[in-house]
Amino acid sequence: MEGCSSLVIDRETLEERVARSSPEFPYVANLCSMEALMDRTCPWHWHEEVELFYIRAGVLEYHLPSGCHVFQAGEGGFLNAGVLHMTRQRGEVPCLQEEVLFHPRFVGGEEDSLINRKYIRPLVEDPGLALLRLGQDRPEERELLELVRQALAVYQGAEPGWELESKAQAARMLRYALELSQGREWVARPGRRANSLRVKTMMEFMDAHYREKLTLDQIAQAGCVSPRECSRCFQETLGLSPFQYLTDLRLRQSCRLLAHTGLSVTEIAVSCGFGTSSYFSRTFRCRFGCAPREYRKDGQRERGGGD
């Protein structure tokens, strides 16, 4: 996502992509400022990587289909692979989040390896394990949070051999998570996982076709459900209608174009699927309290490009 130094949402797949992460080295550690994001919100998405995070400052809301979970400064968590989620800063204090993301294969190696079978799969494939809260009350939780912070320092320092150290730290983090998964109450994945999978498929469809005039029938067909079932799945999973999600998607894309291109408001309206500039401007003002041109001008001034 534009404007956030720690992550990028791939607009083709809705999976999280992060700087310096690659198939050859699927690991990244970064400091994320929620202040840099539109609405101080990272929209609904998922990623194949597991994620460990520590809240350095501020308050962060973690929204899952099962509900909202609030993390204060000094707390953190472990988010399992493939979990649909959305994060949002709570309050006016800037939220800074230290995070480490890595693909399970970074530690497990080949699909049929002993480590994968014995340690990785029992963790990442367990439907009861979506999000684990980590605090300062228990020594083992403090140690895992400290390891997240050390991993960030190693990654950013990039001293010779940092890749080997990062892999060792990732293995230790998974070991801690496995140990903590015993006898701890995790936030479970949605009871109706089929709904979550359908919503992901329909989100991907909208993300690929948001420039077009979409109907509820088309969105529902992408998920192989009826229009009524489509609306129900979105409401139960995200708390949004399909068209509320689509409008949010289009607005986010329009903000990116306003901030980073010289396209006219009319061109942006058409390219983002709003049809007309007047409808785009009304929708934009209703959401942000200002016209698209004002948003662009304010952004230029903040970047030193205005008068």
C-alpha atoms as a PDB file:
ATOM      1  CA  MET A   1       0.000   0.000   0.000  1.00  0.00           C
ATOM      2  CA  GLU A   2       1.338   3.396  -0.938  1.00  0.00           C
ATOM      3  CA  GLY A   3       2.587   5.510   1.911  1.00  0.00           C
ATOM      4  CA  CYS A   4       3.520   2.697   4.278  1.00  0.00           C
ATOM      5  CA  SER A   5       7.171   1.791   4.481  1.00  0.00           C
ATOM      6  CA  SER A   6       6.565  -1.641   5.942  1.00  0.00           C
ATOM      7  CA  LEU A   7       4.040  -3.275   3.653  1.00  0.00           C
ATOM      8  CA  VAL A   8       2.393  -3.265   0.278  1.00  0.00           C
ATOM      9  CA  ILE A   9      -0.960  -4.809  -0.529  1.00  0.00           C
ATOM     10  CA  ASP A  10      -0.689  -6.542  -3.897  1.00  0.00           C
ATOM     11  CA  ARG A  11      -3.723  -5.226  -5.759  1.00  0.00           C
ATOM     12  CA  GLU A  12      -3.893  -8.334  -7.932  1.00  0.00           C
ATOM     13  CA  THR A  13      -4.115 -10.878  -5.132  1.00  0.00           C
ATOM     14  CA  LEU A  14      -4.826  -8.801  -1.986  1.00  0.00           C
ATOM     15  CA  GLU A  15      -1.862 -10.507  -0.380  1.00  0.00           C
ATOM     16  CA  GLU A  16       0.589  -8.480   1.626  1.00  0.00           C
ATOM     17  CA  ARG A  17       3.909  -7.802  -0.065  1.00  0.00           C
ATOM     18  CA  VAL A  18       6.813  -6.379   1.875  1.00  0.00           C
ATOM     19  CA  ALA A  19      10.064  -4.651   1.007  1.00  0.00           C
ATOM     20  CA  ARG A  20      13.117  -6.865   0.455  1.00  0.00           C
ATOM     21  CA  SER A  21      10.974 -10.014   0.634  1.00  0.00           C
ATOM     22  CA  SER A  22      11.303 -12.428  -2.289  1.00  0.00           C
ATOM     23  CA  PRO A  23      10.700 -16.090  -3.127  1.00  0.00           C
ATOM     24  CA  GLU A  24      14.423 -16.623  -2.576  1.00  0.00           C
ATOM     25  CA  PHE A  25      14.297 -15.027   0.882  1.00  0.00           C
ATOM     26  CA  PRO A  26      10.681 -14.860   2.112  1.00  0.00           C
ATOM     27  CA  TYR A  27      11.355 -12.868   5.261  1.00  0.00           C
ATOM     28  CA  VAL A  28      11.030  -9.215   6.228  1.00  0.00           C
ATOM     29  CA  ALA A  29      11.107  -7.090   9.382  1.00  0.00           C
ATOM     30  CA  ASN A  30       9.950  -3.491   9.431  1.00  0.00           C
ATOM     31  CA  LEU A  31       8.595  -0.608  11.440  1.00  0.00           C
ATOM     32  CA  CYS A  32       5.117   0.422  10.274  1.00  0.00           C
ATOM     33  CA  SER A  33       3.600   3.834  10.951  1.00  0.00           C
ATOM     34  CA  MET A  34      -0.179   3.671  10.791  1.00  0.00           C
ATOM     35  CA  GLU A  35      -0.211   7.471  10.445  1.00  0.00           C
ATOM     36  CA  ALA A  36       1.079   7.022   6.885  1.00  0.00           C
ATOM     37  CA  LEU A  37      -2.003   5.086   5.793  1.00  0.00           C
ATOM     38  CA  MET A  38      -5.281   6.458   4.497  1.00  0.00           C
ATOM     39  CA  ASP A  39      -7.741   6.588   7.410  1.00  0.00           C
ATOM     40  CA  ARG A  40      -4.836   5.222   9.495  1.00  0.00           C
ATOM     41  CA  THR A  41      -6.126   1.857   8.342  1.00  0.00           C
ATOM     42  CA  CYS A  42      -4.652  -1.114   6.514  1.00  0.00           C
ATOM     43  CA  PRO A  43      -7.640  -2.596   4.615  1.00  0.00           C
ATOM     44  CA  TRP A  44      -8.862  -6.190   4.689  1.00  0.00           C
ATOM     45  CA  HIS A  45      -6.238  -8.540   3.269  1.00  0.00           C
ATOM     46  CA  TRP A  46      -4.275 -11.694   4.037  1.00  0.00           C
ATOM     47  CA  HIS A  47      -0.814 -13.095   3.363  1.00  0.00           C
ATOM     48  CA  GLU A  48       0.882 -16.478   3.190  1.00  0.00           C
ATOM     49  CA  GLU A  49       3.456 -15.377   5.758  1.00  0.00           C
ATOM     50  CA  VAL A  50       3.049 -15.698   9.502  1.00  0.00           C
ATOM     51  CA  GLU A  51       3.312 -12.349  11.247  1.00  0.00           C
ATOM     52  CA  LEU A  52       4.675 -11.383  14.639  1.00  0.00           C
ATOM     53  CA  PHE A  53       4.257  -7.832  15.835  1.00  0.00           C
ATOM     54  CA  TYR A  54       5.063  -5.533  18.743  1.00  0.00           C
ATOM     55  CA  ILE A  55       3.288  -2.224  19.412  1.00  0.00           C
ATOM     56  CA  ARG A  56       5.995   0.318  20.127  1.00  0.00           C
ATOM     57  CA  ALA A  57       3.603   3.243  20.579  1.00  0.00           C
ATOM     58  CA  GLY A  58      -0.090   4.025  20.356  1.00  0.00           C
ATOM     59  CA  VAL A  59      -3.015   1.617  20.177  1.00  0.00           C
ATOM     60  CA  LEU A  60      -3.782  -0.777  17.328  1.00  0.00           C
ATOM     61  CA  GLU A  61      -7.060  -2.485  16.498  1.00  0.00           C
ATOM     62  CA  TYR A  62      -6.724  -5.908  14.867  1.00  0.00           C
ATOM     63  CA  HIS A  63      -9.956  -6.829  13.093  1.00  0.00           C
ATOM     64  CA  LEU A  64     -10.591 -10.464  12.206  1.00  0.00           C
ATOM     65  CA  PRO A  65     -13.870 -11.965  10.953  1.00  0.00           C
ATOM     66  CA  SER A  66     -14.328 -13.193  14.523  1.00  0.00           C
ATOM     67  CA  GLY A  67     -14.117  -9.696  16.017  1.00  0.00           C
ATOM     68  CA  CYS A  68     -11.904  -6.764  17.025  1.00  0.00           C
ATOM     69  CA  HIS A  69      -8.851  -7.184  19.266  1.00  0.00           C
ATOM     70  CA  VAL A  70      -7.097  -4.145  20.747  1.00  0.00           C
ATOM     71  CA  PHE A  71      -3.356  -4.023  21.417  1.00  0.00           C
ATOM     72  CA  GLN A  72      -1.757  -1.397  23.618  1.00  0.00           C
ATOM     73  CA  ALA A  73       1.847  -0.195  23.545  1.00  0.00           C
ATOM     74  CA  GLY A  74       4.103  -2.929  24.914  1.00  0.00           C
ATOM     75  CA  GLU A  75       1.813  -5.720  23.688  1.00  0.00           C
ATOM     76  CA  GLY A  76       2.009  -7.757  20.514  1.00  0.00           C
ATOM     77  CA  GLY A  77       0.865 -10.922  18.857  1.00  0.00           C
ATOM     78  CA  PHE A  78       1.306 -13.801  16.467  1.00  0.00           C
ATOM     79  CA  LEU A  79      -0.935 -13.858  13.378  1.00  0.00           C
ATOM     80  CA  ASN A  80      -1.134 -17.143  11.534  1.00  0.00           C
ATOM     81  CA  ALA A  81      -0.724 -17.566   7.784  1.00  0.00           C
ATOM     82  CA  GLY A  82      -3.730 -16.966   5.553  1.00  0.00           C
ATOM     83  CA  VAL A  83      -5.853 -15.170   8.160  1.00  0.00           C
ATOM     84  CA  LEU A  84      -8.101 -12.445   6.775  1.00  0.00           C
ATOM     85  CA  HIS A  85      -7.525  -9.272   8.794  1.00  0.00           C
ATOM     86  CA  MET A  86      -7.650  -5.480   8.876  1.00  0.00           C
ATOM     87  CA  THR A  87      -5.730  -3.143  11.191  1.00  0.00           C
ATOM     88  CA  ARG A  88      -6.558   0.388  12.334  1.00  0.00           C
ATOM     89  CA  GLN A  89      -4.983   2.957  14.609  1.00  0.00           C
ATOM     90  CA  ARG A  90      -7.165   3.813  17.586  1.00  0.00           C
ATOM     91  CA  GLY A  91      -7.076   7.380  18.831  1.00  0.00           C
ATOM     92  CA  GLU A  92      -4.842  10.271  17.872  1.00  0.00           C
ATOM     93  CA  VAL A  93      -1.540   8.984  19.274  1.00  0.00           C
ATOM     94  CA  PRO A  94       0.536   7.750  16.298  1.00  0.00           C
ATOM     95  CA  CYS A  95       0.727   3.966  16.274  1.00  0.00           C
ATOM     96  CA  LEU A  96       4.116   2.417  15.554  1.00  0.00           C
ATOM     97  CA  GLN A  97       4.189  -1.319  14.968  1.00  0.00           C
ATOM     98  CA  GLU A  98       7.350  -3.422  14.767  1.00  0.00           C
ATOM     99  CA  GLU A  99       6.652  -6.505  12.684  1.00  0.00           C
ATOM    100  CA  VAL A 100       8.292  -9.607  11.301  1.00  0.00           C
ATOM    101  CA  LEU A 101       6.746 -11.612   8.468  1.00  0.00           C
ATOM    102  CA  PHE A 102       8.068 -14.806   6.950  1.00  0.00           C
ATOM    103  CA  HIS A 103       6.735 -17.675   4.894  1.00  0.00           C
ATOM    104  CA  PRO A 104       6.575 -21.023   6.743  1.00  0.00           C
ATOM    105  CA  ARG A 105       8.911 -22.518   4.118  1.00  0.00           C
ATOM    106  CA  PHE A 106      11.589 -20.084   5.311  1.00  0.00           C
ATOM    107  CA  VAL A 107      11.963 -22.343   8.334  1.00  0.00           C
ATOM    108  CA  GLY A 108      10.351 -25.582   7.166  1.00  0.00           C
ATOM    109  CA  GLY A 109      12.051 -25.936   3.804  1.00  0.00           C
ATOM    110  CA  GLU A 110      10.622 -28.534   1.433  1.00  0.00           C
ATOM    111  CA  GLU A 111       6.939 -29.415   1.702  1.00  0.00           C
ATOM    112  CA  ASP A 112       7.602 -32.984   2.887  1.00  0.00           C
ATOM    113  CA  SER A 113      10.477 -32.149   5.239  1.00  0.00           C
ATOM    114  CA  LEU A 114      10.530 -33.428   8.816  1.00  0.00           C
ATOM    115  CA  ILE A 115      10.421 -29.888  10.213  1.00  0.00           C
ATOM    116  CA  ASN A 116       7.361 -29.100   8.127  1.00  0.00           C
ATOM    117  CA  ARG A 117       5.528 -32.234   9.156  1.00  0.00           C
ATOM    118  CA  LYS A 118       6.473 -32.139  12.835  1.00  0.00           C
ATOM    119  CA  TYR A 119       6.432 -28.443  13.658  1.00  0.00           C
ATOM    120  CA  ILE A 120       5.173 -26.110  10.914  1.00  0.00           C
ATOM    121  CA  ARG A 121       1.948 -27.737   9.734  1.00  0.00           C
ATOM    122  CA  PRO A 122       0.540 -28.385  13.219  1.00  0.00           C
ATOM    123  CA  LEU A 123       0.808 -24.638  13.804  1.00  0.00           C
ATOM    124  CA  VAL A 124      -0.156 -22.987  10.522  1.00  0.00           C
ATOM    125  CA  GLU A 125      -2.885 -25.467   9.513  1.00  0.00           C
ATOM    126  CA  ASP A 126      -4.699 -25.630  12.841  1.00  0.00           C
ATOM    127  CA  PRO A 127      -8.157 -24.031  12.327  1.00  0.00           C
ATOM    128  CA  GLY A 128      -8.227 -23.052  15.995  1.00  0.00           C
ATOM    129  CA  LEU A 129      -5.100 -20.901  15.760  1.00  0.00           C
ATOM    130  CA  ALA A 130      -5.577 -17.499  14.123  1.00  0.00           C
ATOM    131  CA  LEU A 131      -4.215 -14.851  16.504  1.00  0.00           C
ATOM    132  CA  LEU A 132      -2.302 -15.163  19.762  1.00  0.00           C
ATOM    133  CA  ARG A 133      -2.030 -12.161  22.079  1.00  0.00           C
ATOM    134  CA  LEU A 134       1.366 -11.555  23.675  1.00  0.00           C
ATOM    135  CA  GLY A 135       1.848  -9.375  26.725  1.00  0.00           C
ATOM    136  CA  GLN A 136       4.371  -8.553  29.419  1.00  0.00           C
ATOM    137  CA  ASP A 137       2.926 -10.663  32.260  1.00  0.00           C
ATOM    138  CA  ARG A 138       4.493 -14.007  31.318  1.00  0.00           C
ATOM    139  CA  PRO A 139       8.250 -14.453  30.852  1.00  0.00           C
ATOM    140  CA  GLU A 140       7.893 -16.581  27.700  1.00  0.00           C
ATOM    141  CA  GLU A 141       5.698 -13.935  26.076  1.00  0.00           C
ATOM    142  CA  ARG A 142       8.124 -11.162  26.982  1.00  0.00           C
ATOM    143  CA  GLU A 143      10.944 -13.221  25.494  1.00  0.00           C
ATOM    144  CA  LEU A 144       9.065 -13.696  22.217  1.00  0.00           C
ATOM    145  CA  LEU A 145       8.260  -9.983  21.976  1.00  0.00           C
ATOM    146  CA  GLU A 146      11.893  -9.150  22.665  1.00  0.00           C
ATOM    147  CA  LEU A 147      12.906 -11.572  19.927  1.00  0.00           C
ATOM    148  CA  VAL A 148      10.653  -9.689  17.492  1.00  0.00           C
ATOM    149  CA  ARG A 149      12.445  -6.463  18.419  1.00  0.00           C
ATOM    150  CA  GLN A 150      15.862  -8.100  18.039  1.00  0.00           C
ATOM    151  CA  ALA A 151      14.841  -9.458  14.645  1.00  0.00           C
ATOM    152  CA  LEU A 152      13.980  -5.951  13.480  1.00  0.00           C
ATOM    153  CA  ALA A 153      17.386  -4.670  14.610  1.00  0.00           C
ATOM    154  CA  VAL A 154      19.212  -7.497  12.807  1.00  0.00           C
ATOM    155  CA  TYR A 155      17.207  -6.988   9.623  1.00  0.00           C
ATOM    156  CA  GLN A 156      17.691  -3.228   9.531  1.00  0.00           C
ATOM    157  CA  GLY A 157      21.357  -3.455  10.502  1.00  0.00           C
ATOM    158  CA  ALA A 158      22.086  -5.868   7.627  1.00  0.00           C
ATOM    159  CA  GLU A 159      25.478  -6.799   9.042  1.00  0.00           C
ATOM    160  CA  PRO A 160      27.411  -9.614   7.291  1.00  0.00           C
ATOM    161  CA  GLY A 161      25.576 -12.873   7.889  1.00  0.00           C
ATOM    162  CA  TRP A 162      22.299 -11.194   8.865  1.00  0.00           C
ATOM    163  CA  GLU A 163      20.357 -13.610   6.655  1.00  0.00           C
ATOM    164  CA  LEU A 164      21.574 -16.599   8.665  1.00  0.00           C
ATOM    165  CA  GLU A 165      20.791 -14.846  11.933  1.00  0.00           C
ATOM    166  CA  SER A 166      17.316 -13.927  10.675  1.00  0.00           C
ATOM    167  CA  LYS A 167      16.580 -17.534   9.775  1.00  0.00           C
ATOM    168  CA  ALA A 168      17.697 -18.685  13.221  1.00  0.00           C
ATOM    169  CA  GLN A 169      15.486 -16.024  14.833  1.00  0.00           C
ATOM    170  CA  ALA A 170      12.493 -17.092  12.709  1.00  0.00           C
ATOM    171  CA  ALA A 171      12.928 -20.696  13.870  1.00  0.00           C
ATOM    172  CA  ARG A 172      13.076 -19.545  17.487  1.00  0.00           C
ATOM    173  CA  MET A 173       9.943 -17.435  17.045  1.00  0.00           C
ATOM    174  CA  LEU A 174       8.028 -20.416  15.658  1.00  0.00           C
ATOM    175  CA  ARG A 175       9.282 -22.590  18.506  1.00  0.00           C
ATOM    176  CA  TYR A 176       8.010 -20.058  21.058  1.00  0.00           C
ATOM    177  CA  ALA A 177       4.668 -19.859  19.245  1.00  0.00           C
ATOM    178  CA  LEU A 178       4.341 -23.637  19.267  1.00  0.00           C
ATOM    179  CA  GLU A 179       5.079 -23.782  22.973  1.00  0.00           C
ATOM    180  CA  LEU A 180       2.625 -20.990  23.689  1.00  0.00           C
ATOM    181  CA  SER A 181      -0.044 -22.712  21.606  1.00  0.00           C
ATOM    182  CA  GLN A 182      -0.230 -25.393  24.277  1.00  0.00           C
ATOM    183  CA  GLY A 183      -2.628 -24.419  27.025  1.00  0.00           C
ATOM    184  CA  ARG A 184      -3.188 -20.885  25.729  1.00  0.00           C
ATOM    185  CA  GLU A 185      -6.427 -19.511  24.371  1.00  0.00           C
ATOM    186  CA  TRP A 186      -5.968 -18.340  20.801  1.00  0.00           C
ATOM    187  CA  VAL A 187      -8.386 -16.343  18.710  1.00  0.00           C
ATOM    188  CA  ALA A 188      -9.784 -19.039  16.431  1.00  0.00           C
ATOM    189  CA  ARG A 189     -10.284 -18.768  12.705  1.00  0.00           C
ATOM    190  CA  PRO A 190     -13.889 -18.099  11.658  1.00  0.00           C
ATOM    191  CA  GLY A 191     -16.311 -20.879  12.523  1.00  0.00           C
ATOM    192  CA  ARG A 192     -17.493 -20.830   8.915  1.00  0.00           C
ATOM    193  CA  ARG A 193     -14.193 -20.937   7.064  1.00  0.00           C
ATOM    194  CA  ALA A 194     -16.053 -21.556   3.804  1.00  0.00           C
ATOM    195  CA  ASN A 195     -17.471 -18.038   4.083  1.00  0.00           C
ATOM    196  CA  SER A 196     -14.017 -16.577   4.548  1.00  0.00           C
ATOM    197  CA  LEU A 197     -12.695 -18.449   1.509  1.00  0.00           C
ATOM    198  CA  ARG A 198     -15.620 -17.284  -0.624  1.00  0.00           C
ATOM    199  CA  VAL A 199     -15.134 -13.692   0.479  1.00  0.00           C
ATOM    200  CA  LYS A 200     -11.429 -13.874  -0.379  1.00  0.00           C
ATOM    201  CA  THR A 201     -12.293 -15.118  -3.859  1.00  0.00           C
ATOM    202  CA  MET A 202     -14.853 -12.346  -4.385  1.00  0.00           C
ATOM    203  CA  MET A 203     -12.431  -9.732  -3.021  1.00  0.00           C
ATOM    204  CA  GLU A 204      -9.835 -10.888  -5.535  1.00  0.00           C
ATOM    205  CA  PHE A 205     -12.395 -10.601  -8.321  1.00  0.00           C
ATOM    206  CA  MET A 206     -13.345  -7.059  -7.329  1.00  0.00           C
ATOM    207  CA  ASP A 207      -9.726  -6.080  -6.997  1.00  0.00           C
ATOM    208  CA  ALA A 208      -9.034  -7.247 -10.539  1.00  0.00           C
ATOM    209  CA  HIS A 209     -12.169  -5.586 -11.980  1.00  0.00           C
ATOM    210  CA  TYR A 210     -12.838  -2.511  -9.807  1.00  0.00           C
ATOM    211  CA  ARG A 211     -12.354  -0.246 -12.852  1.00  0.00           C
ATOM    212  CA  GLU A 212     -15.406  -1.840 -14.463  1.00  0.00           C
ATOM    213  CA  LYS A 213     -19.111  -1.402 -13.751  1.00  0.00           C
ATOM    214  CA  LEU A 214     -19.754  -4.433 -11.548  1.00  0.00           C
ATOM    215  CA  THR A 215     -23.077  -5.953 -10.557  1.00  0.00           C
ATOM    216  CA  LEU A 216     -23.898  -8.031  -7.506  1.00  0.00           C
ATOM    217  CA  ASP A 217     -24.543 -10.992  -9.812  1.00  0.00           C
ATOM    218  CA  GLN A 218     -21.018 -10.777 -11.227  1.00  0.00           C
ATOM    219  CA  ILE A 219     -19.450 -10.577  -7.778  1.00  0.00           C
ATOM    220  CA  ALA A 220     -21.543 -13.493  -6.534  1.00  0.00           C
ATOM    221  CA  GLN A 221     -20.660 -15.619  -9.559  1.00  0.00           C
ATOM    222  CA  ALA A 222     -16.981 -15.153  -8.784  1.00  0.00           C
ATOM    223  CA  GLY A 223     -17.618 -16.820  -5.422  1.00  0.00           C
ATOM    224  CA  CYS A 224     -19.961 -19.452  -6.867  1.00  0.00           C
ATOM    225  CA  VAL A 225     -22.796 -18.249  -4.626  1.00  0.00           C
ATOM    226  CA  SER A 226     -26.149 -16.533  -5.066  1.00  0.00           C
ATOM    227  CA  PRO A 227     -26.366 -12.728  -4.782  1.00  0.00           C
ATOM    228  CA  ARG A 228     -28.154 -13.086  -1.458  1.00  0.00           C
ATOM    229  CA  GLU A 229     -25.477 -15.461  -0.151  1.00  0.00           C
ATOM    230  CA  CYS A 230     -22.779 -13.096  -1.420  1.00  0.00           C
ATOM    231  CA  SER A 231     -24.201 -10.227   0.626  1.00  0.00           C
ATOM    232  CA  ARG A 232     -24.600 -12.439   3.690  1.00  0.00           C
ATOM    233  CA  CYS A 233     -21.011 -13.724   3.478  1.00  0.00           C
ATOM    234  CA  PHE A 234     -19.594 -10.194   3.259  1.00  0.00           C
ATOM    235  CA  GLN A 235     -21.718  -8.911   6.110  1.00  0.00           C
ATOM    236  CA  GLU A 236     -20.889 -11.835   8.404  1.00  0.00           C
ATOM    237  CA  THR A 237     -17.183 -11.859   7.545  1.00  0.00           C
ATOM    238  CA  LEU A 238     -16.235  -8.188   7.122  1.00  0.00           C
ATOM    239  CA  GLY A 239     -19.230  -6.317   8.485  1.00  0.00           C
ATOM    240  CA  LEU A 240     -19.592  -4.663   5.075  1.00  0.00           C
ATOM    241  CA  SER A 241     -21.764  -5.103   2.013  1.00  0.00           C
ATOM    242  CA  PRO A 242     -19.974  -6.098  -1.218  1.00  0.00           C
ATOM    243  CA  PHE A 243     -20.504  -2.590  -2.599  1.00  0.00           C
ATOM    244  CA  GLN A 244     -19.228  -0.915   0.555  1.00  0.00           C
ATOM    245  CA  TYR A 245     -16.034  -2.917   0.149  1.00  0.00           C
ATOM    246  CA  LEU A 246     -15.891  -2.064  -3.564  1.00  0.00           C
ATOM    247  CA  THR A 247     -16.363   1.662  -2.937  1.00  0.00           C
ATOM    248  CA  ASP A 248     -13.629   1.623  -0.291  1.00  0.00           C
ATOM    249  CA  LEU A 249     -11.326  -0.159  -2.734  1.00  0.00           C
ATOM    250  CA  ARG A 250     -11.996   2.420  -5.430  1.00  0.00           C
ATOM    251  CA  LEU A 251     -11.490   5.329  -3.041  1.00  0.00           C
ATOM    252  CA  ARG A 252      -8.159   3.959  -1.853  1.00  0.00           C
ATOM    253  CA  GLN A 253      -6.976   3.589  -5.416  1.00  0.00           C
ATOM    254  CA  SER A 254      -8.146   7.118  -6.222  1.00  0.00           C
ATOM    255  CA  CYS A 255      -6.162   8.502  -3.272  1.00  0.00           C
ATOM    256  CA  ARG A 256      -3.043   6.804  -4.581  1.00  0.00           C
ATOM    257  CA  LEU A 257      -3.571   8.298  -8.037  1.00  0.00           C
ATOM    258  CA  LEU A 258      -4.281  11.758  -6.636  1.00  0.00           C
ATOM    259  CA  ALA A 259      -1.112  11.648  -4.562  1.00  0.00           C
ATOM    260  CA  HIS A 260       1.266  10.086  -7.053  1.00  0.00           C
ATOM    261  CA  THR A 261       0.107  10.957 -10.582  1.00  0.00           C
ATOM    262  CA  GLY A 262      -0.836  14.023 -12.582  1.00  0.00           C
ATOM    263  CA  LEU A 263      -4.071  12.499 -13.879  1.00  0.00           C
ATOM    264  CA  SER A 264      -7.089  14.781 -13.869  1.00  0.00           C
ATOM    265  CA  VAL A 265      -9.986  14.193 -11.479  1.00  0.00           C
ATOM    266  CA  THR A 266     -12.111  13.019 -14.408  1.00  0.00           C
ATOM    267  CA  GLU A 267      -9.441  10.565 -15.543  1.00  0.00           C
ATOM    268  CA  ILE A 268      -9.090   9.211 -12.014  1.00  0.00           C
ATOM    269  CA  ALA A 269     -12.866   8.878 -11.629  1.00  0.00           C
ATOM    270  CA  VAL A 270     -13.101   6.788 -14.792  1.00  0.00           C
ATOM    271  CA  SER A 271      -9.995   4.706 -14.088  1.00  0.00           C
ATOM    272  CA  CYS A 272     -11.262   3.845 -10.592  1.00  0.00           C
ATOM    273  CA  GLY A 273     -14.713   2.774 -11.743  1.00  0.00           C
ATOM    274  CA  PHE A 274     -16.767   5.765 -10.574  1.00  0.00           C
ATOM    275  CA  GLY A 275     -18.082   6.536 -14.027  1.00  0.00           C
ATOM    276  CA  THR A 276     -18.401  10.320 -13.720  1.00  0.00           C
ATOM    277  CA  SER A 277     -16.309  12.950 -11.983  1.00  0.00           C
ATOM    278  CA  SER A 278     -19.372  14.397 -10.235  1.00  0.00           C
ATOM    279  CA  TYR A 279     -20.287  11.071  -8.629  1.00  0.00           C
ATOM    280  CA  PHE A 280     -16.641  10.493  -7.699  1.00  0.00           C
ATOM    281  CA  SER A 281     -16.368  13.949  -6.109  1.00  0.00           C
ATOM    282  CA  ARG A 282     -19.579  13.474  -4.086  1.00  0.00           C
ATOM    283  CA  THR A 283     -18.476  10.062  -2.839  1.00  0.00           C
ATOM    284  CA  PHE A 284     -14.977  11.328  -2.051  1.00  0.00           C
ATOM    285  CA  ARG A 285     -16.257  14.368  -0.132  1.00  0.00           C
ATOM    286  CA  CYS A 286     -18.735  12.240   1.808  1.00  0.00           C
ATOM    287  CA  ARG A 287     -15.913   9.940   2.914  1.00  0.00           C
ATOM    288  CA  PHE A 288     -13.071  12.395   3.525  1.00  0.00           C
ATOM    289  CA  GLY A 289     -14.766  15.743   4.043  1.00  0.00           C
ATOM    290  CA  CYS A 290     -12.925  17.412   1.186  1.00  0.00           C
ATOM    291  CA  ALA A 291     -12.920  17.455  -2.609  1.00  0.00           C
ATOM    292  CA  PRO A 292     -10.387  15.352  -4.561  1.00  0.00           C
ATOM    293  CA  ARG A 293      -8.546  18.500  -5.684  1.00  0.00           C
ATOM    294  CA  GLU A 294      -8.243  19.676  -2.070  1.00  0.00           C
ATOM    295  CA  TYR A 295      -6.899  16.256  -1.059  1.00  0.00           C
ATOM    296  CA  ARG A 296      -4.285  16.460  -3.823  1.00  0.00           C
ATOM    297  CA  LYS A 297      -3.294  20.010  -2.898  1.00  0.00           C
ATOM    298  CA  ASP A 298      -2.952  19.168   0.806  1.00  0.00           C
ATOM    299  CA  GLY A 299      -0.811  16.167  -0.062  1.00  0.00           C
ATOM    300  CA  GLN A 300       1.465  18.250  -2.279  1.00  0.00           C
ATOM    301  CA  ARG A 301       1.878  20.809   0.499  1.00  0.00           C
ATOM    302  CA  GLU A 302       2.833  18.074   2.987  1.00  0.00           C
ATOM    303  CA  ARG A 303       5.425  16.758   0.520  1.00  0.00           C
ATOM    304  CA  GLY A 304       6.786  20.243  -0.089  1.00  0.00           C
ATOM    305  CA  GLY A 305       5.353  20.461  -3.584  1.00  0.00           C
ATOM    306  CA  GLY A 306       2.646  23.060  -2.934  1.00  0.00           C
ATOM    307  CA  ASP A 307       2.722  26.787  -2.492  1.00  0.00           C
END
